[in-house]
């Protein structure tokens, strides 16, 4: 199927987005290749978002379907609803507060037409501020999706990158409608596993999601957004680590361990994923559970921590893994 014959749907979810919606809507109607339809799901806005979209829809050369939730569903379930209502071959996700480069749809359709075995694709994005001014950074810089990680993704190991954190944001993603049956319903009981994280993880495990190394989206950073990217974060020193009580140190580890266990349970129940591709996730989940059970007496920890280091389990987690091991060893 050629790019010209692919039908395109845009799935947009709104919630009190009146301030930034006009810029996003203008960027959609100004695409060099227009969508065949747009599905808008509003999650109970109390501002003028719905009226704004209705007015805009009267002047665009494609069909716009507007659905208002009777109760607040949240972003994950709202996107699930919007995507399930789309009828195009390809569904392009849209946040309410971003803007698109005018060739986003054209590039997306071309890439999917040239890669028929792939079920989804995501792109890079330039960061802008509340006033649409460039921040001089791109999302892939912040999530450390550089040349080495990109090559690892091309080689079929993108899922291992996703086990450790976010790379794919829904605002930069497009997916074939035929893939939805293997993804829905989206899980909602796992913390941080929102719709884009779930979609990208499942398709990366199947090896059917690729990327376009172009910033086709202007991704807005502002104080009221649900998910954003911080350009920098406060550094935690070894002194800070060791000054915390055990309960303080264990709380985030327990939370992360719970999330890994829940994700593992979700993935273990699937029949469309090669179990061998989950080996790293199992090791990571088991290591976190092991850390929670470390004995309180230091001298007993030394052989245990050394054993995990030799096995390479601390090294499964990116960043300063040696600080983590040292913290576990020296914790009061």
C-alpha atoms as a PDB file:
ATOM      1  CA  UNK A   1       0.000   0.000   0.000  1.00  0.00           C
ATOM      2  CA  UNK A   2       1.432   3.371  -0.993  1.00  0.00           C
ATOM      3  CA  UNK A   3       1.473   6.459   1.191  1.00  0.00           C
ATOM      4  CA  UNK A   4      -1.168   8.039  -1.018  1.00  0.00           C
ATOM      5  CA  UNK A   5      -3.632   5.199  -0.443  1.00  0.00           C
ATOM      6  CA  UNK A   6      -3.233   5.042   3.348  1.00  0.00           C
ATOM      7  CA  UNK A   7      -6.147   6.670   5.137  1.00  0.00           C
ATOM      8  CA  UNK A   8      -5.175   8.784   8.128  1.00  0.00           C
ATOM      9  CA  UNK A   9      -7.078   9.438  11.343  1.00  0.00           C
ATOM     10  CA  UNK A  10      -6.031  11.915  14.012  1.00  0.00           C
ATOM     11  CA  UNK A  11      -6.929  10.985  17.613  1.00  0.00           C
ATOM     12  CA  UNK A  12      -6.995  14.079  19.826  1.00  0.00           C
ATOM     13  CA  UNK A  13      -7.951  14.162  23.505  1.00  0.00           C
ATOM     14  CA  UNK A  14      -8.839  17.413  25.220  1.00  0.00           C
ATOM     15  CA  UNK A  15      -9.250  18.515  28.808  1.00  0.00           C
ATOM     16  CA  UNK A  16      -9.380  22.227  29.615  1.00  0.00           C
ATOM     17  CA  UNK A  17      -6.986  22.905  26.766  1.00  0.00           C
ATOM     18  CA  UNK A  18      -8.506  26.111  25.429  1.00  0.00           C
ATOM     19  CA  UNK A  19      -5.289  28.105  25.790  1.00  0.00           C
ATOM     20  CA  UNK A  20      -3.127  25.999  23.451  1.00  0.00           C
ATOM     21  CA  UNK A  21      -5.684  24.227  21.262  1.00  0.00           C
ATOM     22  CA  UNK A  22      -5.821  26.864  18.514  1.00  0.00           C
ATOM     23  CA  UNK A  23      -2.123  26.421  17.698  1.00  0.00           C
ATOM     24  CA  UNK A  24      -2.403  22.641  17.552  1.00  0.00           C
ATOM     25  CA  UNK A  25      -5.555  22.728  15.440  1.00  0.00           C
ATOM     26  CA  UNK A  26      -3.958  25.223  13.042  1.00  0.00           C
ATOM     27  CA  UNK A  27      -0.931  22.961  12.622  1.00  0.00           C
ATOM     28  CA  UNK A  28      -3.193  20.015  11.755  1.00  0.00           C
ATOM     29  CA  UNK A  29      -5.184  21.829   9.108  1.00  0.00           C
ATOM     30  CA  UNK A  30      -1.940  23.202   7.639  1.00  0.00           C
ATOM     31  CA  UNK A  31      -0.457  19.758   6.955  1.00  0.00           C
ATOM     32  CA  UNK A  32       0.854  19.140   3.453  1.00  0.00           C
ATOM     33  CA  UNK A  33      -1.084  15.863   3.580  1.00  0.00           C
ATOM     34  CA  UNK A  34      -4.403  16.257   5.372  1.00  0.00           C
ATOM     35  CA  UNK A  35      -6.032  13.573   7.520  1.00  0.00           C
ATOM     36  CA  UNK A  36      -9.149  11.805   6.303  1.00  0.00           C
ATOM     37  CA  UNK A  37     -10.816  12.265   9.666  1.00  0.00           C
ATOM     38  CA  UNK A  38     -10.233  13.509  13.173  1.00  0.00           C
ATOM     39  CA  UNK A  39     -11.695  12.007  16.350  1.00  0.00           C
ATOM     40  CA  UNK A  40     -11.785  14.271  19.392  1.00  0.00           C
ATOM     41  CA  UNK A  41     -12.591  12.942  22.861  1.00  0.00           C
ATOM     42  CA  UNK A  42     -13.127  15.557  25.550  1.00  0.00           C
ATOM     43  CA  UNK A  43     -12.712  14.367  29.128  1.00  0.00           C
ATOM     44  CA  UNK A  44     -15.085  16.763  30.838  1.00  0.00           C
ATOM     45  CA  UNK A  45     -13.602  20.180  30.112  1.00  0.00           C
ATOM     46  CA  UNK A  46     -15.042  23.099  32.032  1.00  0.00           C
ATOM     47  CA  UNK A  47     -13.542  25.718  29.698  1.00  0.00           C
ATOM     48  CA  UNK A  48     -14.293  26.457  26.066  1.00  0.00           C
ATOM     49  CA  UNK A  49     -12.339  23.544  24.559  1.00  0.00           C
ATOM     50  CA  UNK A  50     -15.328  21.749  23.047  1.00  0.00           C
ATOM     51  CA  UNK A  51     -16.894  24.906  21.625  1.00  0.00           C
ATOM     52  CA  UNK A  52     -13.554  25.863  20.124  1.00  0.00           C
ATOM     53  CA  UNK A  53     -13.160  22.505  18.375  1.00  0.00           C
ATOM     54  CA  UNK A  54     -16.773  22.578  17.145  1.00  0.00           C
ATOM     55  CA  UNK A  55     -16.291  26.013  15.622  1.00  0.00           C
ATOM     56  CA  UNK A  56     -12.993  24.995  14.034  1.00  0.00           C
ATOM     57  CA  UNK A  57     -14.496  21.810  12.597  1.00  0.00           C
ATOM     58  CA  UNK A  58     -16.956  23.762  10.462  1.00  0.00           C
ATOM     59  CA  UNK A  59     -14.176  25.184   8.293  1.00  0.00           C
ATOM     60  CA  UNK A  60     -11.851  22.205   7.721  1.00  0.00           C
ATOM     61  CA  UNK A  61     -11.892  19.943   4.624  1.00  0.00           C
ATOM     62  CA  UNK A  62     -12.173  16.657   6.571  1.00  0.00           C
ATOM     63  CA  UNK A  63     -14.646  15.073   8.963  1.00  0.00           C
ATOM     64  CA  UNK A  64     -14.329  15.825  12.678  1.00  0.00           C
ATOM     65  CA  UNK A  65     -16.119  13.610  15.207  1.00  0.00           C
ATOM     66  CA  UNK A  66     -16.441  15.082  18.709  1.00  0.00           C
ATOM     67  CA  UNK A  67     -17.251  12.876  21.710  1.00  0.00           C
ATOM     68  CA  UNK A  68     -17.707  14.130  25.267  1.00  0.00           C
ATOM     69  CA  UNK A  69     -17.136  11.731  28.156  1.00  0.00           C
ATOM     70  CA  UNK A  70     -20.009  11.625  30.635  1.00  0.00           C
ATOM     71  CA  UNK A  71     -17.457  11.155  33.426  1.00  0.00           C
ATOM     72  CA  UNK A  72     -13.747  11.822  33.659  1.00  0.00           C
ATOM     73  CA  UNK A  73     -11.848   8.814  32.288  1.00  0.00           C
ATOM     74  CA  UNK A  74      -8.299  10.115  32.419  1.00  0.00           C
ATOM     75  CA  UNK A  75      -5.876  10.358  29.519  1.00  0.00           C
ATOM     76  CA  UNK A  76      -5.204   6.643  29.020  1.00  0.00           C
ATOM     77  CA  UNK A  77      -8.843   5.600  28.722  1.00  0.00           C
ATOM     78  CA  UNK A  78      -9.722   8.724  26.741  1.00  0.00           C
ATOM     79  CA  UNK A  79      -7.061   7.887  24.151  1.00  0.00           C
ATOM     80  CA  UNK A  80      -8.244   4.289  24.125  1.00  0.00           C
ATOM     81  CA  UNK A  81     -11.738   5.543  23.317  1.00  0.00           C
ATOM     82  CA  UNK A  82     -10.534   7.984  20.671  1.00  0.00           C
ATOM     83  CA  UNK A  83      -8.375   5.380  18.949  1.00  0.00           C
ATOM     84  CA  UNK A  84     -11.143   2.773  18.997  1.00  0.00           C
ATOM     85  CA  UNK A  85     -13.444   5.245  17.230  1.00  0.00           C
ATOM     86  CA  UNK A  86     -10.964   5.971  14.424  1.00  0.00           C
ATOM     87  CA  UNK A  87     -11.563   4.324  11.043  1.00  0.00           C
ATOM     88  CA  UNK A  88      -8.346   5.172   9.151  1.00  0.00           C
ATOM     89  CA  UNK A  89      -5.577   2.743   8.284  1.00  0.00           C
ATOM     90  CA  UNK A  90      -3.212   4.792  10.432  1.00  0.00           C
ATOM     91  CA  UNK A  91      -4.021   6.602  13.682  1.00  0.00           C
ATOM     92  CA  UNK A  92      -1.853   9.594  14.517  1.00  0.00           C
ATOM     93  CA  UNK A  93      -1.982  10.629  18.174  1.00  0.00           C
ATOM     94  CA  UNK A  94      -2.240  14.276  19.095  1.00  0.00           C
ATOM     95  CA  UNK A  95      -1.929  16.115  22.390  1.00  0.00           C
ATOM     96  CA  UNK A  96      -3.949  19.285  22.817  1.00  0.00           C
ATOM     97  CA  UNK A  97      -1.062  21.583  23.666  1.00  0.00           C
ATOM     98  CA  UNK A  98       1.591  20.842  21.031  1.00  0.00           C
ATOM     99  CA  UNK A  99       1.997  21.777  17.360  1.00  0.00           C
ATOM    100  CA  UNK A 100       3.046  19.760  14.317  1.00  0.00           C
ATOM    101  CA  UNK A 101       5.604  20.430  11.648  1.00  0.00           C
ATOM    102  CA  UNK A 102       3.670  20.761   8.409  1.00  0.00           C
ATOM    103  CA  UNK A 103       5.026  17.481   7.015  1.00  0.00           C
ATOM    104  CA  UNK A 104       4.291  15.288  10.022  1.00  0.00           C
ATOM    105  CA  UNK A 105       1.451  13.375   8.357  1.00  0.00           C
ATOM    106  CA  UNK A 106       3.278  13.138   5.047  1.00  0.00           C
ATOM    107  CA  UNK A 107       6.437  11.750   6.651  1.00  0.00           C
ATOM    108  CA  UNK A 108       4.449   9.337   8.817  1.00  0.00           C
ATOM    109  CA  UNK A 109       2.442   7.950   5.902  1.00  0.00           C
ATOM    110  CA  UNK A 110       5.566   7.606   3.765  1.00  0.00           C
ATOM    111  CA  UNK A 111       7.496   5.768   6.475  1.00  0.00           C
ATOM    112  CA  UNK A 112       4.699   3.290   7.184  1.00  0.00           C
ATOM    113  CA  UNK A 113       4.138   2.694   3.465  1.00  0.00           C
ATOM    114  CA  UNK A 114       7.849   1.937   3.048  1.00  0.00           C
ATOM    115  CA  UNK A 115       7.889  -0.326   6.130  1.00  0.00           C
ATOM    116  CA  UNK A 116       4.810  -2.538   5.723  1.00  0.00           C
ATOM    117  CA  UNK A 117       5.867  -4.993   8.446  1.00  0.00           C
ATOM    118  CA  UNK A 118       5.954  -2.253  11.083  1.00  0.00           C
ATOM    119  CA  UNK A 119       2.857  -1.466  13.124  1.00  0.00           C
ATOM    120  CA  UNK A 120       3.857   1.921  14.535  1.00  0.00           C
ATOM    121  CA  UNK A 121       6.385   4.710  14.341  1.00  0.00           C
ATOM    122  CA  UNK A 122       7.446   7.601  16.568  1.00  0.00           C
ATOM    123  CA  UNK A 123       9.529  10.695  15.918  1.00  0.00           C
ATOM    124  CA  UNK A 124      11.676  13.219  17.718  1.00  0.00           C
ATOM    125  CA  UNK A 125      10.296  16.557  18.927  1.00  0.00           C
ATOM    126  CA  UNK A 126      11.579  20.065  19.536  1.00  0.00           C
ATOM    127  CA  UNK A 127      10.719  21.478  22.956  1.00  0.00           C
ATOM    128  CA  UNK A 128       8.895  24.798  23.170  1.00  0.00           C
ATOM    129  CA  UNK A 129       7.756  26.834  26.157  1.00  0.00           C
ATOM    130  CA  UNK A 130       4.357  28.213  27.156  1.00  0.00           C
ATOM    131  CA  UNK A 131       4.775  31.031  24.625  1.00  0.00           C
ATOM    132  CA  UNK A 132       5.831  28.727  21.764  1.00  0.00           C
ATOM    133  CA  UNK A 133       9.469  29.805  22.002  1.00  0.00           C
ATOM    134  CA  UNK A 134      12.065  27.094  21.246  1.00  0.00           C
ATOM    135  CA  UNK A 135      13.883  25.777  24.305  1.00  0.00           C
ATOM    136  CA  UNK A 136      16.849  24.596  22.253  1.00  0.00           C
ATOM    137  CA  UNK A 137      16.437  20.940  23.142  1.00  0.00           C
ATOM    138  CA  UNK A 138      14.785  17.856  21.751  1.00  0.00           C
ATOM    139  CA  UNK A 139      13.013  15.082  23.586  1.00  0.00           C
ATOM    140  CA  UNK A 140      15.494  12.425  22.506  1.00  0.00           C
ATOM    141  CA  UNK A 141      18.301  14.360  24.191  1.00  0.00           C
ATOM    142  CA  UNK A 142      16.429  14.316  27.489  1.00  0.00           C
ATOM    143  CA  UNK A 143      15.522  10.619  27.347  1.00  0.00           C
ATOM    144  CA  UNK A 144      19.047   9.754  26.137  1.00  0.00           C
ATOM    145  CA  UNK A 145      17.889   8.182  22.898  1.00  0.00           C
ATOM    146  CA  UNK A 146      21.129   8.918  21.088  1.00  0.00           C
ATOM    147  CA  UNK A 147      22.967   7.076  18.286  1.00  0.00           C
ATOM    148  CA  UNK A 148      23.939   4.106  20.471  1.00  0.00           C
ATOM    149  CA  UNK A 149      20.394   3.601  21.757  1.00  0.00           C
ATOM    150  CA  UNK A 150      18.962   4.106  18.279  1.00  0.00           C
ATOM    151  CA  UNK A 151      21.223   1.389  16.924  1.00  0.00           C
ATOM    152  CA  UNK A 152      20.163  -0.917  19.737  1.00  0.00           C
ATOM    153  CA  UNK A 153      16.532  -0.218  18.791  1.00  0.00           C
ATOM    154  CA  UNK A 154      17.223  -1.001  15.127  1.00  0.00           C
ATOM    155  CA  UNK A 155      18.768  -4.295  16.179  1.00  0.00           C
ATOM    156  CA  UNK A 156      15.553  -5.292  17.935  1.00  0.00           C
ATOM    157  CA  UNK A 157      16.364  -4.457  21.547  1.00  0.00           C
ATOM    158  CA  UNK A 158      14.167  -1.382  21.983  1.00  0.00           C
ATOM    159  CA  UNK A 159      12.172  -3.188  24.659  1.00  0.00           C
ATOM    160  CA  UNK A 160      15.246  -3.351  26.893  1.00  0.00           C
ATOM    161  CA  UNK A 161      15.532   0.425  26.748  1.00  0.00           C
ATOM    162  CA  UNK A 162      11.848   0.746  27.650  1.00  0.00           C
ATOM    163  CA  UNK A 163      12.226  -1.511  30.680  1.00  0.00           C
ATOM    164  CA  UNK A 164      14.358   1.247  32.192  1.00  0.00           C
ATOM    165  CA  UNK A 165      12.318   4.329  31.316  1.00  0.00           C
ATOM    166  CA  UNK A 166      10.355   6.436  28.847  1.00  0.00           C
ATOM    167  CA  UNK A 167      11.509   7.034  25.303  1.00  0.00           C
ATOM    168  CA  UNK A 168       8.313   7.130  23.256  1.00  0.00           C
ATOM    169  CA  UNK A 169       5.732   9.789  23.993  1.00  0.00           C
ATOM    170  CA  UNK A 170       2.244   9.454  22.535  1.00  0.00           C
ATOM    171  CA  UNK A 171       2.364  12.912  21.010  1.00  0.00           C
ATOM    172  CA  UNK A 172       5.020  11.651  18.588  1.00  0.00           C
ATOM    173  CA  UNK A 173       3.428   8.295  17.764  1.00  0.00           C
ATOM    174  CA  UNK A 174       1.365   6.886  14.902  1.00  0.00           C
ATOM    175  CA  UNK A 175      -0.027   3.353  14.833  1.00  0.00           C
ATOM    176  CA  UNK A 176      -1.789   1.123  12.336  1.00  0.00           C
ATOM    177  CA  UNK A 177      -5.398   0.534  13.341  1.00  0.00           C
ATOM    178  CA  UNK A 178      -4.891  -3.188  12.695  1.00  0.00           C
ATOM    179  CA  UNK A 179      -2.562  -3.308  15.726  1.00  0.00           C
ATOM    180  CA  UNK A 180      -5.179  -2.136  18.217  1.00  0.00           C
ATOM    181  CA  UNK A 181      -6.710  -5.549  18.829  1.00  0.00           C
ATOM    182  CA  UNK A 182      -3.450  -6.742  20.407  1.00  0.00           C
ATOM    183  CA  UNK A 183      -3.148  -3.666  22.631  1.00  0.00           C
ATOM    184  CA  UNK A 184      -6.598  -2.962  24.025  1.00  0.00           C
ATOM    185  CA  UNK A 185      -7.840  -2.625  26.647  1.00  0.00           C
ATOM    186  CA  UNK A 186      -5.003  -0.499  27.967  1.00  0.00           C
ATOM    187  CA  UNK A 187      -4.059  -1.452  31.556  1.00  0.00           C
ATOM    188  CA  UNK A 188      -4.616   1.242  34.154  1.00  0.00           C
ATOM    189  CA  UNK A 189      -3.499  -0.394  37.396  1.00  0.00           C
ATOM    190  CA  UNK A 190       0.249  -0.073  36.836  1.00  0.00           C
ATOM    191  CA  UNK A 191       1.732   3.238  37.930  1.00  0.00           C
ATOM    192  CA  UNK A 192       3.429   5.193  35.114  1.00  0.00           C
ATOM    193  CA  UNK A 193       2.283   2.694  32.458  1.00  0.00           C
ATOM    194  CA  UNK A 194       0.071   5.101  30.550  1.00  0.00           C
ATOM    195  CA  UNK A 195      -1.198   4.435  27.025  1.00  0.00           C
ATOM    196  CA  UNK A 196       1.952   5.445  25.136  1.00  0.00           C
ATOM    197  CA  UNK A 197       4.239   3.451  27.427  1.00  0.00           C
ATOM    198  CA  UNK A 198       2.046   0.359  27.017  1.00  0.00           C
ATOM    199  CA  UNK A 199       1.778   0.640  23.232  1.00  0.00           C
ATOM    200  CA  UNK A 200       5.488   1.216  22.700  1.00  0.00           C
ATOM    201  CA  UNK A 201       6.502  -1.570  25.096  1.00  0.00           C
ATOM    202  CA  UNK A 202       4.269  -4.227  23.514  1.00  0.00           C
ATOM    203  CA  UNK A 203       5.224  -3.309  19.961  1.00  0.00           C
ATOM    204  CA  UNK A 204       8.922  -3.052  20.823  1.00  0.00           C
ATOM    205  CA  UNK A 205       8.742  -6.558  22.305  1.00  0.00           C
ATOM    206  CA  UNK A 206       7.197  -7.689  19.015  1.00  0.00           C
ATOM    207  CA  UNK A 207       9.777  -5.705  17.030  1.00  0.00           C
ATOM    208  CA  UNK A 208       7.124  -3.776  15.106  1.00  0.00           C
ATOM    209  CA  UNK A 209       7.704  -0.142  16.082  1.00  0.00           C
ATOM    210  CA  UNK A 210      10.313   2.061  14.423  1.00  0.00           C
ATOM    211  CA  UNK A 211      11.297   5.697  14.511  1.00  0.00           C
ATOM    212  CA  UNK A 212      11.803   8.720  12.273  1.00  0.00           C
ATOM    213  CA  UNK A 213      14.869  10.748  13.203  1.00  0.00           C
ATOM    214  CA  UNK A 214      13.175  14.076  12.576  1.00  0.00           C
ATOM    215  CA  UNK A 215      11.522  16.554  15.010  1.00  0.00           C
ATOM    216  CA  UNK A 216       8.058  16.425  13.435  1.00  0.00           C
ATOM    217  CA  UNK A 217       6.378  17.734  16.596  1.00  0.00           C
ATOM    218  CA  UNK A 218       6.790  20.853  18.710  1.00  0.00           C
ATOM    219  CA  UNK A 219       6.355  19.491  22.230  1.00  0.00           C
ATOM    220  CA  UNK A 220       5.214  22.097  24.701  1.00  0.00           C
ATOM    221  CA  UNK A 221       6.537  22.341  28.246  1.00  0.00           C
ATOM    222  CA  UNK A 222       4.198  24.050  30.680  1.00  0.00           C
ATOM    223  CA  UNK A 223       3.227  23.845  34.329  1.00  0.00           C
ATOM    224  CA  UNK A 224      -0.220  22.265  33.922  1.00  0.00           C
ATOM    225  CA  UNK A 225       0.622  19.360  31.607  1.00  0.00           C
ATOM    226  CA  UNK A 226       0.129  15.789  32.836  1.00  0.00           C
ATOM    227  CA  UNK A 227       3.439  14.450  31.543  1.00  0.00           C
ATOM    228  CA  UNK A 228       6.493  16.535  30.749  1.00  0.00           C
ATOM    229  CA  UNK A 229      10.258  16.352  30.415  1.00  0.00           C
ATOM    230  CA  UNK A 230      12.594  18.092  32.793  1.00  0.00           C
ATOM    231  CA  UNK A 231      15.774  19.444  31.278  1.00  0.00           C
ATOM    232  CA  UNK A 232      17.647  18.786  34.505  1.00  0.00           C
ATOM    233  CA  UNK A 233      17.107  17.226  37.883  1.00  0.00           C
ATOM    234  CA  UNK A 234      18.720  17.698  41.266  1.00  0.00           C
ATOM    235  CA  UNK A 235      21.678  15.402  41.787  1.00  0.00           C
ATOM    236  CA  UNK A 236      21.561  13.008  44.726  1.00  0.00           C
ATOM    237  CA  UNK A 237      24.953  12.750  46.430  1.00  0.00           C
ATOM    238  CA  UNK A 238      26.267   9.687  48.221  1.00  0.00           C
ATOM    239  CA  UNK A 239      26.007  11.659  51.464  1.00  0.00           C
ATOM    240  CA  UNK A 240      22.318  12.236  50.768  1.00  0.00           C
ATOM    241  CA  UNK A 241      21.811   8.542  50.065  1.00  0.00           C
ATOM    242  CA  UNK A 242      23.465   7.447  53.283  1.00  0.00           C
ATOM    243  CA  UNK A 243      21.746  10.073  55.445  1.00  0.00           C
ATOM    244  CA  UNK A 244      18.309   8.709  54.643  1.00  0.00           C
ATOM    245  CA  UNK A 245      16.571   6.256  56.927  1.00  0.00           C
ATOM    246  CA  UNK A 246      16.048   2.740  55.625  1.00  0.00           C
ATOM    247  CA  UNK A 247      12.327   3.398  55.215  1.00  0.00           C
ATOM    248  CA  UNK A 248      13.095   6.487  53.111  1.00  0.00           C
ATOM    249  CA  UNK A 249      15.512   4.539  50.927  1.00  0.00           C
ATOM    250  CA  UNK A 250      13.233   1.546  50.552  1.00  0.00           C
ATOM    251  CA  UNK A 251      10.025   3.459  49.684  1.00  0.00           C
ATOM    252  CA  UNK A 252      10.938   4.272  46.034  1.00  0.00           C
ATOM    253  CA  UNK A 253      12.572   0.850  45.604  1.00  0.00           C
ATOM    254  CA  UNK A 254       9.412  -0.858  46.852  1.00  0.00           C
ATOM    255  CA  UNK A 255       7.308   1.285  44.532  1.00  0.00           C
ATOM    256  CA  UNK A 256       9.509   0.454  41.544  1.00  0.00           C
ATOM    257  CA  UNK A 257       9.618  -3.226  42.471  1.00  0.00           C
ATOM    258  CA  UNK A 258       5.824  -3.312  42.597  1.00  0.00           C
ATOM    259  CA  UNK A 259       5.606  -1.702  39.166  1.00  0.00           C
ATOM    260  CA  UNK A 260       8.100  -4.171  37.679  1.00  0.00           C
ATOM    261  CA  UNK A 261       6.195  -7.102  39.163  1.00  0.00           C
ATOM    262  CA  UNK A 262       2.902  -5.836  37.750  1.00  0.00           C
ATOM    263  CA  UNK A 263       4.394  -5.270  34.291  1.00  0.00           C
ATOM    264  CA  UNK A 264       5.975  -8.717  34.378  1.00  0.00           C
ATOM    265  CA  UNK A 265       2.623 -10.294  35.253  1.00  0.00           C
ATOM    266  CA  UNK A 266       0.938  -8.476  32.388  1.00  0.00           C
ATOM    267  CA  UNK A 267       3.557  -9.549  29.880  1.00  0.00           C
ATOM    268  CA  UNK A 268       3.887 -13.134  31.124  1.00  0.00           C
ATOM    269  CA  UNK A 269       0.189 -13.651  30.383  1.00  0.00           C
ATOM    270  CA  UNK A 270       0.578 -12.785  26.695  1.00  0.00           C
ATOM    271  CA  UNK A 271       1.010 -15.414  24.013  1.00  0.00           C
ATOM    272  CA  UNK A 272       2.257 -13.061  21.285  1.00  0.00           C
ATOM    273  CA  UNK A 273       5.589 -12.255  22.978  1.00  0.00           C
ATOM    274  CA  UNK A 274       8.647 -14.493  22.972  1.00  0.00           C
ATOM    275  CA  UNK A 275       9.324 -15.297  26.670  1.00  0.00           C
ATOM    276  CA  UNK A 276      13.068 -15.009  26.067  1.00  0.00           C
ATOM    277  CA  UNK A 277      12.611 -11.293  25.369  1.00  0.00           C
ATOM    278  CA  UNK A 278      11.360 -10.895  28.941  1.00  0.00           C
ATOM    279  CA  UNK A 279      14.514 -12.329  30.543  1.00  0.00           C
ATOM    280  CA  UNK A 280      15.994  -8.917  31.326  1.00  0.00           C
ATOM    281  CA  UNK A 281      12.704  -7.713  32.849  1.00  0.00           C
ATOM    282  CA  UNK A 282      12.570 -10.779  35.109  1.00  0.00           C
ATOM    283  CA  UNK A 283      16.137 -10.176  36.251  1.00  0.00           C
ATOM    284  CA  UNK A 284      15.390  -6.506  36.974  1.00  0.00           C
ATOM    285  CA  UNK A 285      12.216  -7.345  38.909  1.00  0.00           C
ATOM    286  CA  UNK A 286      13.960 -10.061  40.932  1.00  0.00           C
ATOM    287  CA  UNK A 287      16.890  -7.757  41.716  1.00  0.00           C
ATOM    288  CA  UNK A 288      14.591  -5.046  43.070  1.00  0.00           C
ATOM    289  CA  UNK A 289      12.735  -7.563  45.224  1.00  0.00           C
ATOM    290  CA  UNK A 290      16.124  -8.834  46.453  1.00  0.00           C
ATOM    291  CA  UNK A 291      17.255  -5.324  47.440  1.00  0.00           C
ATOM    292  CA  UNK A 292      14.197  -4.883  49.653  1.00  0.00           C
ATOM    293  CA  UNK A 293      15.142  -8.038  51.576  1.00  0.00           C
ATOM    294  CA  UNK A 294      18.765  -7.059  52.277  1.00  0.00           C
ATOM    295  CA  UNK A 295      19.733  -7.705  55.918  1.00  0.00           C
ATOM    296  CA  UNK A 296      20.098  -4.729  58.237  1.00  0.00           C
ATOM    297  CA  UNK A 297      23.585  -5.757  59.472  1.00  0.00           C
ATOM    298  CA  UNK A 298      26.286  -4.420  57.155  1.00  0.00           C
ATOM    299  CA  UNK A 299      28.718  -7.302  57.421  1.00  0.00           C
ATOM    300  CA  UNK A 300      26.065  -9.693  56.129  1.00  0.00           C
ATOM    301  CA  UNK A 301      25.439  -7.518  53.077  1.00  0.00           C
ATOM    302  CA  UNK A 302      28.963  -7.635  51.631  1.00  0.00           C
ATOM    303  CA  UNK A 303      28.859 -11.118  50.040  1.00  0.00           C
ATOM    304  CA  UNK A 304      25.279 -10.571  48.880  1.00  0.00           C
ATOM    305  CA  UNK A 305      25.997  -7.250  47.155  1.00  0.00           C
ATOM    306  CA  UNK A 306      29.216  -8.649  45.686  1.00  0.00           C
ATOM    307  CA  UNK A 307      27.268 -11.583  44.289  1.00  0.00           C
ATOM    308  CA  UNK A 308      24.746  -9.320  42.571  1.00  0.00           C
ATOM    309  CA  UNK A 309      27.573  -7.257  41.107  1.00  0.00           C
ATOM    310  CA  UNK A 310      29.258 -10.360  39.719  1.00  0.00           C
ATOM    311  CA  UNK A 311      25.963 -11.462  38.169  1.00  0.00           C
ATOM    312  CA  UNK A 312      25.626  -8.022  36.559  1.00  0.00           C
ATOM    313  CA  UNK A 313      22.251  -7.307  38.122  1.00  0.00           C
ATOM    314  CA  UNK A 314      23.066  -3.839  39.443  1.00  0.00           C
ATOM    315  CA  UNK A 315      24.363  -3.012  35.964  1.00  0.00           C
ATOM    316  CA  UNK A 316      20.941  -3.769  34.442  1.00  0.00           C
ATOM    317  CA  UNK A 317      19.821  -0.331  35.585  1.00  0.00           C
ATOM    318  CA  UNK A 318      21.306   2.620  33.658  1.00  0.00           C
ATOM    319  CA  UNK A 319      23.033   5.471  35.408  1.00  0.00           C
ATOM    320  CA  UNK A 320      25.314   5.357  38.418  1.00  0.00           C
ATOM    321  CA  UNK A 321      24.644   1.714  39.308  1.00  0.00           C
ATOM    322  CA  UNK A 322      27.836   1.572  41.356  1.00  0.00           C
ATOM    323  CA  UNK A 323      26.452   4.247  43.676  1.00  0.00           C
ATOM    324  CA  UNK A 324      23.378   2.106  44.190  1.00  0.00           C
ATOM    325  CA  UNK A 325      25.542  -0.885  45.088  1.00  0.00           C
ATOM    326  CA  UNK A 326      27.696   1.219  47.409  1.00  0.00           C
ATOM    327  CA  UNK A 327      24.580   2.635  49.060  1.00  0.00           C
ATOM    328  CA  UNK A 328      23.206  -0.853  49.659  1.00  0.00           C
ATOM    329  CA  UNK A 329      26.545  -1.898  51.133  1.00  0.00           C
ATOM    330  CA  UNK A 330      27.112   1.108  53.409  1.00  0.00           C
ATOM    331  CA  UNK A 331      23.553   1.957  54.418  1.00  0.00           C
ATOM    332  CA  UNK A 332      23.376   2.571  58.195  1.00  0.00           C
END
